[in-house]
Amino acid sequence: MKNIADIFYNLSRTPDALSEAGEKIFLAIYKAPTNGHNLNNYRYAAFLKSSTKIKADLSLIPPTEGTTLQHTFSNVFLFVEPAMVPILMVSL
């Protein structure tokens, strides 16, 4: 998990590395097995498992890969990047 989080703070990261790290974070949050699932395959498997129950629990189904990508990039832009750039205090 620490190695995945380090990618978010690496300024020379590529967008592909960032999206892959975001997907791995979401797979870890939803406790997906580590046997090579990608997020969409795990989402489908979680949906099938949930749909066989009488009362489906939709909170167990992870977001789509596109939603994860949007969430990852927006959070890095809003929270990580500003923390890495010094804030300049300008007196008015």
PDB file of N, CA and C in Angstrom:
ATOM      1  N   MET A   1       0.822  -1.187   0.000  1.00  0.00           N
ATOM      2  CA  MET A   1       0.000   0.000   0.000  1.00  0.00           C
ATOM      3  C   MET A   1       0.869   1.255   0.000  1.00  0.00           C
ATOM      4  N   LYS A   2       1.973   1.212   0.750  1.00  0.00           N
ATOM      5  CA  LYS A   2       2.864   2.371   0.828  1.00  0.00           C
ATOM      6  C   LYS A   2       3.454   2.682  -0.541  1.00  0.00           C
ATOM      7  N   ASN A   3       3.841   1.645  -1.287  1.00  0.00           N
ATOM      8  CA  ASN A   3       4.396   1.853  -2.627  1.00  0.00           C
ATOM      9  C   ASN A   3       3.380   2.495  -3.559  1.00  0.00           C
ATOM     10  N   ILE A   4       2.133   2.107  -3.407  1.00  0.00           N
ATOM     11  CA  ILE A   4       1.078   2.685  -4.238  1.00  0.00           C
ATOM     12  C   ILE A   4       0.890   4.154  -3.885  1.00  0.00           C
ATOM     13  N   ALA A   5       0.891   4.479  -2.615  1.00  0.00           N
ATOM     14  CA  ALA A   5       0.688   5.860  -2.185  1.00  0.00           C
ATOM     15  C   ALA A   5       1.845   6.758  -2.606  1.00  0.00           C
ATOM     16  N   ASP A   6       3.043   6.211  -2.699  1.00  0.00           N
ATOM     17  CA  ASP A   6       4.201   7.009  -3.113  1.00  0.00           C
ATOM     18  C   ASP A   6       4.048   7.546  -4.530  1.00  0.00           C
ATOM     19  N   ILE A   7       3.318   6.851  -5.374  1.00  0.00           N
ATOM     20  CA  ILE A   7       3.117   7.301  -6.752  1.00  0.00           C
ATOM     21  C   ILE A   7       2.382   8.634  -6.775  1.00  0.00           C
ATOM     22  N   PHE A   8       1.459   8.837  -5.849  1.00  0.00           N
ATOM     23  CA  PHE A   8       0.698  10.078  -5.828  1.00  0.00           C
ATOM     24  C   PHE A   8       1.582  11.288  -5.542  1.00  0.00           C
ATOM     25  N   TYR A   9       2.666  11.082  -4.811  1.00  0.00           N
ATOM     26  CA  TYR A   9       3.557  12.177  -4.440  1.00  0.00           C
ATOM     27  C   TYR A   9       4.766  12.306  -5.359  1.00  0.00           C
ATOM     28  N   ASN A  10       4.894  11.452  -6.335  1.00  0.00           N
ATOM     29  CA  ASN A  10       6.010  11.495  -7.269  1.00  0.00           C
ATOM     30  C   ASN A  10       5.668  12.469  -8.396  1.00  0.00           C
ATOM     31  N   LEU A  11       6.436  13.543  -8.517  1.00  0.00           N
ATOM     32  CA  LEU A  11       6.137  14.558  -9.528  1.00  0.00           C
ATOM     33  C   LEU A  11       6.422  14.084 -10.950  1.00  0.00           C
ATOM     34  N   SER A  12       7.249  13.072 -11.118  1.00  0.00           N
ATOM     35  CA  SER A  12       7.566  12.583 -12.458  1.00  0.00           C
ATOM     36  C   SER A  12       6.701  11.389 -12.860  1.00  0.00           C
ATOM     37  N   ARG A  13       5.590  11.197 -12.195  1.00  0.00           N
ATOM     38  CA  ARG A  13       4.704  10.069 -12.505  1.00  0.00           C
ATOM     39  C   ARG A  13       4.009  10.308 -13.845  1.00  0.00           C
ATOM     40  N   THR A  14       3.615   9.232 -14.457  1.00  0.00           N
ATOM     41  CA  THR A  14       2.864   9.322 -15.710  1.00  0.00           C
ATOM     42  C   THR A  14       1.375   9.189 -15.395  1.00  0.00           C
ATOM     43  N   PRO A  15       0.514   9.683 -16.271  1.00  0.00           N
ATOM     44  CA  PRO A  15      -0.927   9.506 -16.044  1.00  0.00           C
ATOM     45  C   PRO A  15      -1.332   8.036 -15.961  1.00  0.00           C
ATOM     46  N   ASP A  16      -0.668   7.178 -16.730  1.00  0.00           N
ATOM     47  CA  ASP A  16      -0.983   5.745 -16.672  1.00  0.00           C
ATOM     48  C   ASP A  16      -0.634   5.151 -15.310  1.00  0.00           C
ATOM     49  N   ALA A  17       0.519   5.554 -14.766  1.00  0.00           N
ATOM     50  CA  ALA A  17       0.915   5.055 -13.444  1.00  0.00           C
ATOM     51  C   ALA A  17      -0.051   5.549 -12.377  1.00  0.00           C
ATOM     52  N   LEU A  18      -0.507   6.786 -12.524  1.00  0.00           N
ATOM     53  CA  LEU A  18      -1.453   7.349 -11.566  1.00  0.00           C
ATOM     54  C   LEU A  18      -2.797   6.632 -11.627  1.00  0.00           C
ATOM     55  N   SER A  19      -3.289   6.361 -12.826  1.00  0.00           N
ATOM     56  CA  SER A  19      -4.576   5.667 -12.945  1.00  0.00           C
ATOM     57  C   SER A  19      -4.476   4.231 -12.438  1.00  0.00           C
ATOM     58  N   GLU A  20      -3.346   3.575 -12.688  1.00  0.00           N
ATOM     59  CA  GLU A  20      -3.148   2.212 -12.187  1.00  0.00           C
ATOM     60  C   GLU A  20      -3.086   2.193 -10.661  1.00  0.00           C
ATOM     61  N   ALA A  21      -2.426   3.176 -10.081  1.00  0.00           N
ATOM     62  CA  ALA A  21      -2.349   3.260  -8.617  1.00  0.00           C
ATOM     63  C   ALA A  21      -3.725   3.529  -8.021  1.00  0.00           C
ATOM     64  N   GLY A  22      -4.500   4.396  -8.661  1.00  0.00           N
ATOM     65  CA  GLY A  22      -5.853   4.669  -8.183  1.00  0.00           C
ATOM     66  C   GLY A  22      -6.730   3.434  -8.217  1.00  0.00           C
ATOM     67  N   GLU A  23      -6.591   2.651  -9.279  1.00  0.00           N
ATOM     68  CA  GLU A  23      -7.366   1.408  -9.384  1.00  0.00           C
ATOM     69  C   GLU A  23      -6.957   0.418  -8.299  1.00  0.00           C
ATOM     70  N   LYS A  24      -5.660   0.317  -8.031  1.00  0.00           N
ATOM     71  CA  LYS A  24      -5.185  -0.595  -6.983  1.00  0.00           C
ATOM     72  C   LYS A  24      -5.674  -0.158  -5.606  1.00  0.00           C
ATOM     73  N   ILE A  25      -5.729   1.154  -5.381  1.00  0.00           N
ATOM     74  CA  ILE A  25      -6.237   1.665  -4.101  1.00  0.00           C
ATOM     75  C   ILE A  25      -7.701   1.266  -3.927  1.00  0.00           C
ATOM     76  N   PHE A  26      -8.505   1.454  -4.970  1.00  0.00           N
ATOM     77  CA  PHE A  26      -9.918   1.091  -4.871  1.00  0.00           C
ATOM     78  C   PHE A  26     -10.104  -0.412  -4.707  1.00  0.00           C
ATOM     79  N   LEU A  27      -9.287  -1.213  -5.374  1.00  0.00           N
ATOM     80  CA  LEU A  27      -9.373  -2.663  -5.186  1.00  0.00           C
ATOM     81  C   LEU A  27      -9.031  -3.040  -3.751  1.00  0.00           C
ATOM     82  N   ALA A  28      -8.081  -2.337  -3.155  1.00  0.00           N
ATOM     83  CA  ALA A  28      -7.726  -2.609  -1.756  1.00  0.00           C
ATOM     84  C   ALA A  28      -8.841  -2.158  -0.814  1.00  0.00           C
ATOM     85  N   ILE A  29      -9.462  -1.027  -1.109  1.00  0.00           N
ATOM     86  CA  ILE A  29     -10.558  -0.530  -0.265  1.00  0.00           C
ATOM     87  C   ILE A  29     -11.714  -1.529  -0.255  1.00  0.00           C
ATOM     88  N   TYR A  30     -12.033  -2.082  -1.416  1.00  0.00           N
ATOM     89  CA  TYR A  30     -13.144  -3.029  -1.518  1.00  0.00           C
ATOM     90  C   TYR A  30     -12.721  -4.472  -1.250  1.00  0.00           C
ATOM     91  N   LYS A  31     -11.479  -4.659  -0.790  1.00  0.00           N
ATOM     92  CA  LYS A  31     -10.955  -5.971  -0.392  1.00  0.00           C
ATOM     93  C   LYS A  31     -11.093  -7.009  -1.506  1.00  0.00           C
ATOM     94  N   ALA A  32     -10.699  -6.607  -2.694  1.00  0.00           N
ATOM     95  CA  ALA A  32     -10.716  -7.524  -3.831  1.00  0.00           C
ATOM     96  C   ALA A  32      -9.565  -8.512  -3.703  1.00  0.00           C
ATOM     97  N   PRO A  33      -9.746  -9.730  -4.182  1.00  0.00           N
ATOM     98  CA  PRO A  33      -8.631 -10.687  -4.151  1.00  0.00           C
ATOM     99  C   PRO A  33      -7.498 -10.207  -5.059  1.00  0.00           C
ATOM    100  N   THR A  34      -6.301 -10.593  -4.717  1.00  0.00           N
ATOM    101  CA  THR A  34      -5.130 -10.110  -5.457  1.00  0.00           C
ATOM    102  C   THR A  34      -4.726 -11.055  -6.585  1.00  0.00           C
ATOM    103  N   ASN A  35      -5.674 -11.689  -7.199  1.00  0.00           N
ATOM    104  CA  ASN A  35      -5.364 -12.650  -8.263  1.00  0.00           C
ATOM    105  C   ASN A  35      -5.510 -12.042  -9.658  1.00  0.00           C
ATOM    106  N   GLY A  36      -5.165 -10.788  -9.804  1.00  0.00           N
ATOM    107  CA  GLY A  36      -5.142 -10.177 -11.122  1.00  0.00           C
ATOM    108  C   GLY A  36      -6.447  -9.568 -11.584  1.00  0.00           C
ATOM    109  N   HIS A  37      -7.384  -9.358 -10.690  1.00  0.00           N
ATOM    110  CA  HIS A  37      -8.620  -8.694 -11.086  1.00  0.00           C
ATOM    111  C   HIS A  37      -8.347  -7.243 -11.451  1.00  0.00           C
ATOM    112  N   ASN A  38      -9.025  -6.760 -12.481  1.00  0.00           N
ATOM    113  CA  ASN A  38      -9.062  -5.319 -12.655  1.00  0.00           C
ATOM    114  C   ASN A  38     -10.385  -4.844 -12.062  1.00  0.00           C
ATOM    115  N   LEU A  39     -10.572  -3.560 -11.994  1.00  0.00           N
ATOM    116  CA  LEU A  39     -11.725  -3.019 -11.271  1.00  0.00           C
ATOM    117  C   LEU A  39     -13.051  -3.399 -11.930  1.00  0.00           C
ATOM    118  N   ASN A  40     -13.105  -3.355 -13.248  1.00  0.00           N
ATOM    119  CA  ASN A  40     -14.365  -3.687 -13.917  1.00  0.00           C
ATOM    120  C   ASN A  40     -14.729  -5.160 -13.750  1.00  0.00           C
ATOM    121  N   ASN A  41     -13.742  -6.049 -13.805  1.00  0.00           N
ATOM    122  CA  ASN A  41     -14.026  -7.475 -13.587  1.00  0.00           C
ATOM    123  C   ASN A  41     -14.485  -7.725 -12.161  1.00  0.00           C
ATOM    124  N   TYR A  42     -13.829  -7.069 -11.209  1.00  0.00           N
ATOM    125  CA  TYR A  42     -14.240  -7.243  -9.813  1.00  0.00           C
ATOM    126  C   TYR A  42     -15.626  -6.642  -9.577  1.00  0.00           C
ATOM    127  N   ARG A  43     -15.919  -5.526 -10.225  1.00  0.00           N
ATOM    128  CA  ARG A  43     -17.244  -4.906 -10.096  1.00  0.00           C
ATOM    129  C   ARG A  43     -18.319  -5.868 -10.604  1.00  0.00           C
ATOM    130  N   TYR A  44     -18.052  -6.504 -11.727  1.00  0.00           N
ATOM    131  CA  TYR A  44     -19.008  -7.455 -12.288  1.00  0.00           C
ATOM    132  C   TYR A  44     -19.200  -8.650 -11.357  1.00  0.00           C
ATOM    133  N   ALA A  45     -18.097  -9.168 -10.822  1.00  0.00           N
ATOM    134  CA  ALA A  45     -18.182 -10.306  -9.897  1.00  0.00           C
ATOM    135  C   ALA A  45     -18.942  -9.916  -8.628  1.00  0.00           C
ATOM    136  N   ALA A  46     -18.694  -8.706  -8.124  1.00  0.00           N
ATOM    137  CA  ALA A  46     -19.398  -8.243  -6.921  1.00  0.00           C
ATOM    138  C   ALA A  46     -20.883  -8.044  -7.208  1.00  0.00           C
ATOM    139  N   PHE A  47     -21.210  -7.567  -8.418  1.00  0.00           N
ATOM    140  CA  PHE A  47     -22.607  -7.404  -8.793  1.00  0.00           C
ATOM    141  C   PHE A  47     -23.314  -8.751  -8.865  1.00  0.00           C
ATOM    142  N   LEU A  48     -22.668  -9.738  -9.494  1.00  0.00           N
ATOM    143  CA  LEU A  48     -23.278 -11.070  -9.583  1.00  0.00           C
ATOM    144  C   LEU A  48     -23.499 -11.672  -8.204  1.00  0.00           C
ATOM    145  N   LYS A  49     -22.529 -11.506  -7.328  1.00  0.00           N
ATOM    146  CA  LYS A  49     -22.654 -12.035  -5.970  1.00  0.00           C
ATOM    147  C   LYS A  49     -23.779 -11.332  -5.216  1.00  0.00           C
ATOM    148  N   SER A  50     -23.888 -10.014  -5.398  1.00  0.00           N
ATOM    149  CA  SER A  50     -24.916  -9.250  -4.696  1.00  0.00           C
ATOM    150  C   SER A  50     -26.308  -9.521  -5.266  1.00  0.00           C
ATOM    151  N   SER A  51     -26.388  -9.766  -6.571  1.00  0.00           N
ATOM    152  CA  SER A  51     -27.702  -9.953  -7.197  1.00  0.00           C
ATOM    153  C   SER A  51     -28.345 -11.290  -6.855  1.00  0.00           C
ATOM    154  N   THR A  52     -27.575 -12.231  -6.341  1.00  0.00           N
ATOM    155  CA  THR A  52     -28.158 -13.521  -5.978  1.00  0.00           C
ATOM    156  C   THR A  52     -28.815 -13.495  -4.603  1.00  0.00           C
ATOM    157  N   LYS A  53     -28.592 -12.423  -3.868  1.00  0.00           N
ATOM    158  CA  LYS A  53     -29.179 -12.313  -2.534  1.00  0.00           C
ATOM    159  C   LYS A  53     -30.580 -11.717  -2.626  1.00  0.00           C
ATOM    160  N   ILE A  54     -31.365 -11.943  -1.596  1.00  0.00           N
ATOM    161  CA  ILE A  54     -32.723 -11.409  -1.569  1.00  0.00           C
ATOM    162  C   ILE A  54     -32.696  -9.891  -1.512  1.00  0.00           C
ATOM    163  N   LYS A  55     -31.831  -9.358  -0.666  1.00  0.00           N
ATOM    164  CA  LYS A  55     -31.697  -7.909  -0.552  1.00  0.00           C
ATOM    165  C   LYS A  55     -30.269  -7.537  -0.956  1.00  0.00           C
ATOM    166  N   ALA A  56     -30.134  -6.919  -2.116  1.00  0.00           N
ATOM    167  CA  ALA A  56     -28.809  -6.579  -2.639  1.00  0.00           C
ATOM    168  C   ALA A  56     -28.208  -5.419  -1.849  1.00  0.00           C
ATOM    169  N   ASP A  57     -26.916  -5.511  -1.563  1.00  0.00           N
ATOM    170  CA  ASP A  57     -26.189  -4.444  -0.870  1.00  0.00           C
ATOM    171  C   ASP A  57     -25.285  -3.762  -1.889  1.00  0.00           C
ATOM    172  N   LEU A  58     -25.756  -2.648  -2.447  1.00  0.00           N
ATOM    173  CA  LEU A  58     -25.023  -1.971  -3.509  1.00  0.00           C
ATOM    174  C   LEU A  58     -23.757  -1.282  -3.019  1.00  0.00           C
ATOM    175  N   SER A  59     -23.618  -1.107  -1.714  1.00  0.00           N
ATOM    176  CA  SER A  59     -22.399  -0.476  -1.198  1.00  0.00           C
ATOM    177  C   SER A  59     -21.189  -1.400  -1.324  1.00  0.00           C
ATOM    178  N   LEU A  60     -21.415  -2.674  -1.586  1.00  0.00           N
ATOM    179  CA  LEU A  60     -20.311  -3.616  -1.762  1.00  0.00           C
ATOM    180  C   LEU A  60     -19.784  -3.644  -3.192  1.00  0.00           C
ATOM    181  N   ILE A  61     -20.460  -2.937  -4.090  1.00  0.00           N
ATOM    182  CA  ILE A  61     -20.041  -2.905  -5.485  1.00  0.00           C
ATOM    183  C   ILE A  61     -19.157  -1.681  -5.689  1.00  0.00           C
ATOM    184  N   PRO A  62     -17.927  -1.878  -6.150  1.00  0.00           N
ATOM    185  CA  PRO A  62     -17.017  -0.741  -6.336  1.00  0.00           C
ATOM    186  C   PRO A  62     -17.445   0.130  -7.517  1.00  0.00           C
ATOM    187  N   PRO A  63     -16.909   1.338  -7.607  1.00  0.00           N
ATOM    188  CA  PRO A  63     -17.237   2.208  -8.740  1.00  0.00           C
ATOM    189  C   PRO A  63     -16.632   1.675 -10.039  1.00  0.00           C
ATOM    190  N   THR A  64     -17.071   2.226 -11.144  1.00  0.00           N
ATOM    191  CA  THR A  64     -16.525   1.817 -12.435  1.00  0.00           C
ATOM    192  C   THR A  64     -15.094   2.325 -12.588  1.00  0.00           C
ATOM    193  N   GLU A  65     -14.415   1.793 -13.575  1.00  0.00           N
ATOM    194  CA  GLU A  65     -13.031   2.209 -13.819  1.00  0.00           C
ATOM    195  C   GLU A  65     -12.963   3.687 -14.210  1.00  0.00           C
ATOM    196  N   GLY A  66     -13.922   4.154 -14.984  1.00  0.00           N
ATOM    197  CA  GLY A  66     -13.951   5.567 -15.376  1.00  0.00           C
ATOM    198  C   GLY A  66     -14.177   6.488 -14.192  1.00  0.00           C
ATOM    199  N   THR A  67     -15.071   6.100 -13.302  1.00  0.00           N
ATOM    200  CA  THR A  67     -15.319   6.885 -12.097  1.00  0.00           C
ATOM    201  C   THR A  67     -14.089   6.918 -11.210  1.00  0.00           C
ATOM    202  N   THR A  68     -13.411   5.814 -11.103  1.00  0.00           N
ATOM    203  CA  THR A  68     -12.187   5.747 -10.310  1.00  0.00           C
ATOM    204  C   THR A  68     -11.109   6.648 -10.897  1.00  0.00           C
ATOM    205  N   LEU A  69     -10.991   6.643 -12.210  1.00  0.00           N
ATOM    206  CA  LEU A  69     -10.014   7.493 -12.880  1.00  0.00           C
ATOM    207  C   LEU A  69     -10.312   8.966 -12.613  1.00  0.00           C
ATOM    208  N   GLN A  70     -11.569   9.355 -12.746  1.00  0.00           N
ATOM    209  CA  GLN A  70     -11.976  10.739 -12.477  1.00  0.00           C
ATOM    210  C   GLN A  70     -11.689  11.112 -11.028  1.00  0.00           C
ATOM    211  N   HIS A  71     -12.032  10.246 -10.117  1.00  0.00           N
ATOM    212  CA  HIS A  71     -11.831  10.490  -8.692  1.00  0.00           C
ATOM    213  C   HIS A  71     -10.342  10.616  -8.367  1.00  0.00           C
ATOM    214  N   THR A  72      -9.527   9.758  -8.930  1.00  0.00           N
ATOM    215  CA  THR A  72      -8.087   9.775  -8.665  1.00  0.00           C
ATOM    216  C   THR A  72      -7.453  11.063  -9.158  1.00  0.00           C
ATOM    217  N   PHE A  73      -7.721  11.422 -10.410  1.00  0.00           N
ATOM    218  CA  PHE A  73      -7.101  12.621 -10.963  1.00  0.00           C
ATOM    219  C   PHE A  73      -7.587  13.890 -10.280  1.00  0.00           C
ATOM    220  N   SER A  74      -8.873  13.967  -9.957  1.00  0.00           N
ATOM    221  CA  SER A  74      -9.373  15.179  -9.302  1.00  0.00           C
ATOM    222  C   SER A  74      -8.822  15.311  -7.888  1.00  0.00           C
ATOM    223  N   ASN A  75      -8.692  14.208  -7.160  1.00  0.00           N
ATOM    224  CA  ASN A  75      -8.151  14.300  -5.803  1.00  0.00           C
ATOM    225  C   ASN A  75      -6.670  14.631  -5.797  1.00  0.00           C
ATOM    226  N   VAL A  76      -5.920  14.101  -6.745  1.00  0.00           N
ATOM    227  CA  VAL A  76      -4.501  14.462  -6.821  1.00  0.00           C
ATOM    228  C   VAL A  76      -4.373  15.938  -7.159  1.00  0.00           C
ATOM    229  N   PHE A  77      -5.199  16.415  -8.081  1.00  0.00           N
ATOM    230  CA  PHE A  77      -5.151  17.824  -8.468  1.00  0.00           C
ATOM    231  C   PHE A  77      -5.565  18.734  -7.316  1.00  0.00           C
ATOM    232  N   LEU A  78      -6.593  18.341  -6.561  1.00  0.00           N
ATOM    233  CA  LEU A  78      -7.115  19.207  -5.503  1.00  0.00           C
ATOM    234  C   LEU A  78      -6.355  19.117  -4.189  1.00  0.00           C
ATOM    235  N   PHE A  79      -5.845  17.933  -3.839  1.00  0.00           N
ATOM    236  CA  PHE A  79      -5.278  17.756  -2.504  1.00  0.00           C
ATOM    237  C   PHE A  79      -3.775  17.521  -2.483  1.00  0.00           C
ATOM    238  N   VAL A  80      -3.268  16.714  -3.377  1.00  0.00           N
ATOM    239  CA  VAL A  80      -1.849  16.357  -3.320  1.00  0.00           C
ATOM    240  C   VAL A  80      -0.974  17.434  -3.943  1.00  0.00           C
ATOM    241  N   GLU A  81      -1.313  17.878  -5.141  1.00  0.00           N
ATOM    242  CA  GLU A  81      -0.487  18.867  -5.826  1.00  0.00           C
ATOM    243  C   GLU A  81      -0.340  20.163  -5.032  1.00  0.00           C
ATOM    244  N   PRO A  82      -1.422  20.766  -4.499  1.00  0.00           N
ATOM    245  CA  PRO A  82      -1.236  22.005  -3.729  1.00  0.00           C
ATOM    246  C   PRO A  82      -0.384  21.813  -2.483  1.00  0.00           C
ATOM    247  N   ALA A  83      -0.405  20.649  -1.896  1.00  0.00           N
ATOM    248  CA  ALA A  83       0.399  20.414  -0.698  1.00  0.00           C
ATOM    249  C   ALA A  83       1.884  20.342  -1.035  1.00  0.00           C
ATOM    250  N   MET A  84       2.193  20.052  -2.285  1.00  0.00           N
ATOM    251  CA  MET A  84       3.588  19.927  -2.683  1.00  0.00           C
ATOM    252  C   MET A  84       4.177  21.244  -3.187  1.00  0.00           C
ATOM    253  N   VAL A  85       3.337  22.199  -3.508  1.00  0.00           N
ATOM    254  CA  VAL A  85       3.797  23.497  -3.999  1.00  0.00           C
ATOM    255  C   VAL A  85       3.737  24.478  -2.841  1.00  0.00           C
ATOM    256  N   PRO A  86       4.825  25.199  -2.585  1.00  0.00           N
ATOM    257  CA  PRO A  86       4.788  26.158  -1.478  1.00  0.00           C
ATOM    258  C   PRO A  86       3.749  27.250  -1.733  1.00  0.00           C
ATOM    259  N   ILE A  87       3.052  27.596  -0.691  1.00  0.00           N
ATOM    260  CA  ILE A  87       2.026  28.633  -0.791  1.00  0.00           C
ATOM    261  C   ILE A  87       2.692  29.986  -0.597  1.00  0.00           C
ATOM    262  N   LEU A  88       2.476  30.867  -1.544  1.00  0.00           N
ATOM    263  CA  LEU A  88       3.058  32.199  -1.463  1.00  0.00           C
ATOM    264  C   LEU A  88       2.070  33.134  -0.785  1.00  0.00           C
ATOM    265  N   MET A  89       2.527  33.784   0.245  1.00  0.00           N
ATOM    266  CA  MET A  89       1.684  34.740   0.960  1.00  0.00           C
ATOM    267  C   MET A  89       1.895  36.116   0.337  1.00  0.00           C
ATOM    268  N   VAL A  90       0.854  36.675  -0.181  1.00  0.00           N
ATOM    269  CA  VAL A  90       0.932  37.996  -0.799  1.00  0.00           C
ATOM    270  C   VAL A  90       0.147  38.950   0.079  1.00  0.00           C
ATOM    271  N   SER A  91       0.809  40.005   0.519  1.00  0.00           N
ATOM    272  CA  SER A  91       0.107  40.993   1.346  1.00  0.00           C
ATOM    273  C   SER A  91      -0.581  41.991   0.436  1.00  0.00           C
ATOM    274  N   LEU A  92      -1.797  42.273   0.758  1.00  0.00           N
ATOM    275  CA  LEU A  92      -2.566  43.227  -0.048  1.00  0.00           C
ATOM    276  C   LEU A  92      -2.565  44.578   0.574  1.00  0.00           C
TER     277      LEU A  92
END
